[in-house]
N, C-alpha and C. Protein backbone atom coordinates (compact mmCIF):
# COMPACT_ATOMS: atom_id res chain seq x y z
N MET A 1 5.43 83.09 105.34
CA MET A 1 6.32 83.78 106.24
C MET A 1 6.34 83.11 107.59
N GLU A 2 5.18 82.64 107.98
CA GLU A 2 5.09 82.05 109.31
C GLU A 2 5.99 80.84 109.47
N TYR A 3 6.15 80.07 108.38
CA TYR A 3 6.91 78.84 108.51
C TYR A 3 8.40 79.06 108.71
N ILE A 4 8.88 80.26 108.42
CA ILE A 4 10.29 80.55 108.70
C ILE A 4 10.43 81.57 109.83
N GLY A 5 9.31 81.93 110.43
CA GLY A 5 9.35 82.79 111.60
C GLY A 5 9.60 84.26 111.34
N LEU A 6 9.19 84.75 110.18
CA LEU A 6 9.38 86.17 109.86
C LEU A 6 8.07 86.93 110.02
N THR A 7 8.16 88.13 110.53
CA THR A 7 7.01 89.02 110.54
C THR A 7 6.99 89.76 109.20
N ARG A 8 5.89 90.41 108.93
CA ARG A 8 5.81 91.20 107.70
C ARG A 8 6.87 92.29 107.69
N ASN A 9 7.06 92.91 108.83
CA ASN A 9 8.06 93.98 108.91
C ASN A 9 9.46 93.44 108.62
N GLU A 10 9.80 92.28 109.17
CA GLU A 10 11.11 91.69 108.92
C GLU A 10 11.28 91.34 107.44
N LEU A 11 10.23 90.79 106.83
CA LEU A 11 10.29 90.48 105.40
C LEU A 11 10.49 91.75 104.59
N ALA A 12 9.78 92.80 104.96
CA ALA A 12 9.91 94.07 104.26
C ALA A 12 11.35 94.59 104.35
N VAL A 13 11.91 94.57 105.53
CA VAL A 13 13.27 95.07 105.72
C VAL A 13 14.27 94.22 104.96
N ARG A 14 14.18 92.91 105.11
CA ARG A 14 15.17 92.02 104.46
C ARG A 14 15.08 92.04 102.95
N SER A 15 13.87 92.23 102.41
CA SER A 15 13.71 92.17 100.95
C SER A 15 13.78 93.54 100.30
N GLY A 16 13.78 94.60 101.10
CA GLY A 16 13.83 95.93 100.54
C GLY A 16 12.50 96.40 99.97
N VAL A 17 11.42 95.77 100.37
CA VAL A 17 10.08 96.15 99.93
C VAL A 17 9.46 96.99 101.04
N LYS A 18 8.84 98.09 100.68
CA LYS A 18 8.20 98.93 101.69
C LYS A 18 7.07 98.16 102.36
N LYS A 19 6.95 98.33 103.65
CA LYS A 19 5.94 97.61 104.45
C LYS A 19 4.54 97.83 103.89
N ARG A 20 4.22 99.04 103.53
CA ARG A 20 2.89 99.35 102.99
C ARG A 20 2.63 98.57 101.69
N ALA A 21 3.64 98.50 100.84
CA ALA A 21 3.49 97.76 99.58
C ALA A 21 3.35 96.27 99.87
N LEU A 22 4.15 95.75 100.79
CA LEU A 22 4.05 94.34 101.16
C LEU A 22 2.66 94.02 101.69
N ASP A 23 2.14 94.87 102.55
CA ASP A 23 0.79 94.66 103.07
C ASP A 23 -0.23 94.61 101.93
N ALA A 24 -0.08 95.49 100.95
CA ALA A 24 -1.00 95.50 99.81
C ALA A 24 -0.92 94.21 99.02
N TYR A 25 0.30 93.70 98.81
CA TYR A 25 0.46 92.45 98.07
C TYR A 25 -0.19 91.29 98.82
N LEU A 26 0.00 91.26 100.12
CA LEU A 26 -0.48 90.13 100.91
C LEU A 26 -1.96 90.21 101.24
N GLU A 27 -2.47 91.39 101.48
CA GLU A 27 -3.85 91.52 101.92
C GLU A 27 -4.84 91.53 100.76
N THR A 28 -4.57 92.30 99.74
CA THR A 28 -5.54 92.40 98.65
C THR A 28 -5.34 91.30 97.62
N GLN A 29 -4.12 90.88 97.46
CA GLN A 29 -3.75 89.88 96.47
C GLN A 29 -4.24 90.26 95.07
N GLN A 30 -4.51 91.54 94.89
CA GLN A 30 -4.92 92.02 93.58
C GLN A 30 -3.77 92.71 92.88
N SER A 31 -2.79 93.14 93.65
CA SER A 31 -1.62 93.75 93.03
C SER A 31 -0.44 92.81 93.18
N MET A 32 0.41 92.83 92.19
CA MET A 32 1.59 91.97 92.19
C MET A 32 2.83 92.86 92.32
N PRO A 33 3.83 92.36 93.04
CA PRO A 33 5.06 93.14 93.13
C PRO A 33 5.80 93.14 91.80
N PRO A 34 6.60 94.16 91.55
CA PRO A 34 7.45 94.14 90.36
C PRO A 34 8.40 92.94 90.45
N ALA A 35 8.89 92.49 89.32
CA ALA A 35 9.72 91.28 89.27
C ALA A 35 10.91 91.35 90.22
N ASP A 36 11.60 92.50 90.27
CA ASP A 36 12.78 92.58 91.13
C ASP A 36 12.42 92.43 92.60
N LYS A 37 11.29 92.97 93.00
CA LYS A 37 10.86 92.85 94.39
C LYS A 37 10.38 91.43 94.69
N ALA A 38 9.72 90.80 93.72
CA ALA A 38 9.28 89.42 93.89
C ALA A 38 10.48 88.50 94.06
N VAL A 39 11.54 88.74 93.30
CA VAL A 39 12.77 87.95 93.42
C VAL A 39 13.38 88.13 94.80
N GLN A 40 13.42 89.38 95.28
CA GLN A 40 14.00 89.65 96.59
C GLN A 40 13.17 88.99 97.70
N MET A 41 11.86 89.09 97.61
CA MET A 41 11.01 88.47 98.64
C MET A 41 11.14 86.96 98.61
N ALA A 42 11.16 86.37 97.42
CA ALA A 42 11.29 84.93 97.29
C ALA A 42 12.62 84.46 97.88
N ALA A 43 13.68 85.21 97.63
CA ALA A 43 14.99 84.84 98.16
C ALA A 43 14.99 84.85 99.68
N VAL A 44 14.39 85.88 100.26
CA VAL A 44 14.34 85.96 101.72
C VAL A 44 13.52 84.80 102.29
N LEU A 45 12.44 84.45 101.62
CA LEU A 45 11.57 83.37 102.10
C LEU A 45 12.11 81.99 101.77
N GLY A 46 13.09 81.93 100.88
CA GLY A 46 13.67 80.63 100.52
C GLY A 46 12.78 79.84 99.58
N VAL A 47 12.02 80.54 98.74
CA VAL A 47 11.14 79.89 97.77
C VAL A 47 11.41 80.48 96.40
N SER A 48 10.87 79.85 95.37
CA SER A 48 11.00 80.40 94.03
C SER A 48 9.97 81.52 93.83
N VAL A 49 10.20 82.35 92.84
CA VAL A 49 9.23 83.38 92.51
C VAL A 49 7.93 82.72 92.07
N GLU A 50 8.05 81.62 91.35
CA GLU A 50 6.85 80.90 90.92
C GLU A 50 6.01 80.48 92.12
N TYR A 51 6.66 79.95 93.14
CA TYR A 51 5.93 79.55 94.34
C TYR A 51 5.33 80.76 95.03
N LEU A 52 6.06 81.85 95.08
CA LEU A 52 5.57 83.07 95.71
C LEU A 52 4.29 83.56 95.03
N VAL A 53 4.25 83.47 93.71
CA VAL A 53 3.10 83.97 92.95
C VAL A 53 1.95 82.96 92.89
N THR A 54 2.28 81.68 92.69
CA THR A 54 1.23 80.68 92.46
C THR A 54 0.95 79.76 93.63
N GLY A 55 1.92 79.64 94.53
CA GLY A 55 1.77 78.68 95.62
C GLY A 55 2.16 77.27 95.20
N LYS A 56 2.63 77.13 93.96
CA LYS A 56 3.05 75.82 93.44
C LYS A 56 4.49 75.91 92.98
N GLU A 57 5.22 74.84 93.21
CA GLU A 57 6.63 74.81 92.83
C GLU A 57 6.81 73.95 91.59
N PHE A 58 7.51 74.48 90.61
CA PHE A 58 7.85 73.72 89.42
C PHE A 58 9.11 72.93 89.71
N LYS A 59 9.07 71.64 89.52
CA LYS A 59 10.22 70.78 89.79
C LYS A 59 11.13 70.75 88.57
N ARG A 60 12.36 71.14 88.77
CA ARG A 60 13.33 71.15 87.68
C ARG A 60 14.34 70.01 87.81
N GLY A 61 14.17 69.20 88.82
CA GLY A 61 15.08 68.10 89.01
C GLY A 61 16.35 68.48 89.76
N THR A 62 16.41 69.68 90.25
CA THR A 62 17.59 70.12 90.99
C THR A 62 17.40 69.81 92.46
N ASP A 63 18.35 69.11 93.03
CA ASP A 63 18.30 68.78 94.45
C ASP A 63 19.02 69.87 95.22
N ILE A 64 18.26 70.70 95.90
CA ILE A 64 18.87 71.80 96.65
C ILE A 64 19.14 71.43 98.10
N SER A 65 18.85 70.20 98.48
CA SER A 65 19.02 69.81 99.88
C SER A 65 20.45 70.00 100.38
N GLN A 66 21.42 69.87 99.49
CA GLN A 66 22.81 70.05 99.91
C GLN A 66 23.12 71.50 100.28
N TYR A 67 22.29 72.43 99.85
CA TYR A 67 22.53 73.84 100.12
C TYR A 67 21.79 74.36 101.36
N ILE A 68 20.89 73.58 101.90
CA ILE A 68 20.11 74.00 103.07
C ILE A 68 21.02 74.36 104.24
N GLN A 69 22.12 73.65 104.37
CA GLN A 69 23.04 73.91 105.47
C GLN A 69 23.64 75.32 105.42
N PHE A 70 23.56 75.98 104.27
CA PHE A 70 24.13 77.30 104.11
C PHE A 70 23.09 78.42 104.18
N LYS A 71 21.86 78.08 104.52
CA LYS A 71 20.79 79.08 104.55
C LYS A 71 21.12 80.25 105.46
N ASP A 72 21.65 79.98 106.64
CA ASP A 72 21.96 81.07 107.56
C ASP A 72 23.03 82.01 106.99
N ILE A 73 24.00 81.44 106.29
CA ILE A 73 25.04 82.26 105.67
C ILE A 73 24.43 83.11 104.55
N LEU A 74 23.56 82.49 103.75
CA LEU A 74 22.92 83.23 102.66
C LEU A 74 22.02 84.34 103.20
N ASP A 75 21.34 84.07 104.31
CA ASP A 75 20.52 85.11 104.94
C ASP A 75 21.38 86.29 105.35
N ASP A 76 22.56 86.00 105.92
CA ASP A 76 23.47 87.07 106.33
C ASP A 76 23.99 87.84 105.11
N LEU A 77 24.36 87.11 104.07
CA LEU A 77 24.86 87.77 102.86
C LEU A 77 23.81 88.66 102.22
N ALA A 78 22.55 88.25 102.31
CA ALA A 78 21.46 88.99 101.66
C ALA A 78 21.29 90.40 102.22
N VAL A 79 21.72 90.63 103.43
CA VAL A 79 21.54 91.96 104.00
C VAL A 79 22.77 92.86 103.82
N LEU A 80 23.82 92.31 103.29
CA LEU A 80 25.04 93.09 103.11
C LEU A 80 24.96 93.95 101.85
N PRO A 81 25.54 95.13 101.89
CA PRO A 81 25.55 95.97 100.69
C PRO A 81 26.48 95.40 99.61
N THR A 82 26.20 95.74 98.38
CA THR A 82 26.96 95.23 97.24
C THR A 82 28.45 95.49 97.38
N ARG A 83 28.83 96.64 97.90
CA ARG A 83 30.25 96.99 98.03
C ARG A 83 30.99 96.03 98.95
N VAL A 84 30.28 95.38 99.86
CA VAL A 84 30.89 94.42 100.78
C VAL A 84 30.89 93.02 100.16
N LEU A 85 29.88 92.73 99.36
CA LEU A 85 29.76 91.39 98.78
C LEU A 85 30.87 91.05 97.79
N GLY A 86 31.35 92.02 97.04
CA GLY A 86 32.39 91.77 96.05
C GLY A 86 33.62 91.10 96.66
N PRO A 87 34.21 91.70 97.68
CA PRO A 87 35.38 91.07 98.30
C PRO A 87 35.08 89.72 98.93
N ILE A 88 33.90 89.57 99.51
CA ILE A 88 33.53 88.28 100.11
C ILE A 88 33.46 87.21 99.03
N LYS A 89 32.82 87.53 97.91
CA LYS A 89 32.73 86.58 96.80
C LYS A 89 34.12 86.20 96.30
N ALA A 90 35.01 87.18 96.20
CA ALA A 90 36.37 86.92 95.72
C ALA A 90 37.11 85.97 96.64
N VAL A 91 36.97 86.16 97.94
CA VAL A 91 37.64 85.28 98.91
C VAL A 91 37.08 83.87 98.81
N ILE A 92 35.76 83.75 98.76
CA ILE A 92 35.14 82.42 98.66
C ILE A 92 35.59 81.72 97.38
N LYS A 93 35.57 82.46 96.27
CA LYS A 93 35.97 81.88 94.99
C LYS A 93 37.42 81.40 95.03
N SER A 94 38.28 82.19 95.63
CA SER A 94 39.69 81.82 95.74
C SER A 94 39.87 80.53 96.54
N PHE A 95 39.21 80.46 97.69
CA PHE A 95 39.31 79.24 98.50
C PHE A 95 38.71 78.04 97.76
N ALA A 96 37.59 78.24 97.08
CA ALA A 96 36.94 77.14 96.36
C ALA A 96 37.82 76.64 95.22
N GLU A 97 38.43 77.55 94.48
CA GLU A 97 39.32 77.14 93.38
C GLU A 97 40.52 76.37 93.91
N SER A 98 41.05 76.84 95.02
CA SER A 98 42.18 76.15 95.65
C SER A 98 41.79 74.74 96.07
N GLU A 99 40.61 74.61 96.65
CA GLU A 99 40.13 73.29 97.09
C GLU A 99 39.87 72.37 95.91
N ARG A 100 39.30 72.92 94.82
CA ARG A 100 39.06 72.10 93.62
C ARG A 100 40.36 71.58 93.04
N LYS A 101 41.37 72.44 92.99
CA LYS A 101 42.68 72.01 92.48
C LYS A 101 43.28 70.93 93.37
N LYS A 102 43.15 71.11 94.66
CA LYS A 102 43.67 70.13 95.62
C LYS A 102 43.00 68.78 95.43
N ARG A 103 41.67 68.82 95.29
CA ARG A 103 40.93 67.55 95.11
C ARG A 103 41.24 66.89 93.77
N ALA A 104 41.47 67.71 92.75
CA ALA A 104 41.78 67.17 91.43
C ALA A 104 43.14 66.49 91.41
N SER A 105 44.06 66.97 92.25
CA SER A 105 45.40 66.38 92.27
C SER A 105 45.49 65.17 93.21
N ASP A 106 44.49 64.97 94.05
CA ASP A 106 44.49 63.82 94.97
C ASP A 106 44.15 62.53 94.29
């Protein structure tokens, strides 16, 4: 958390994990979060669930460096409710499809 400048409270809020539960996961390291909470925490921290649990990253050969520039946008999207995300996804998809068609015809 420290490397991205988040406090425990901020991580709890952004990931939807109760602060008390987060403290238990981090301090005792004897209890593990449920899978859905682990996924949410990993997403907020920008790491894989595997890294969150083991401290080691499995390399799949995927270069994510091209997506780093969008981290701030993804952070903003992560806090939005589902009812708001649907229309945003539709707009992005529409623009992306239009751009793909444009590039294909060039």
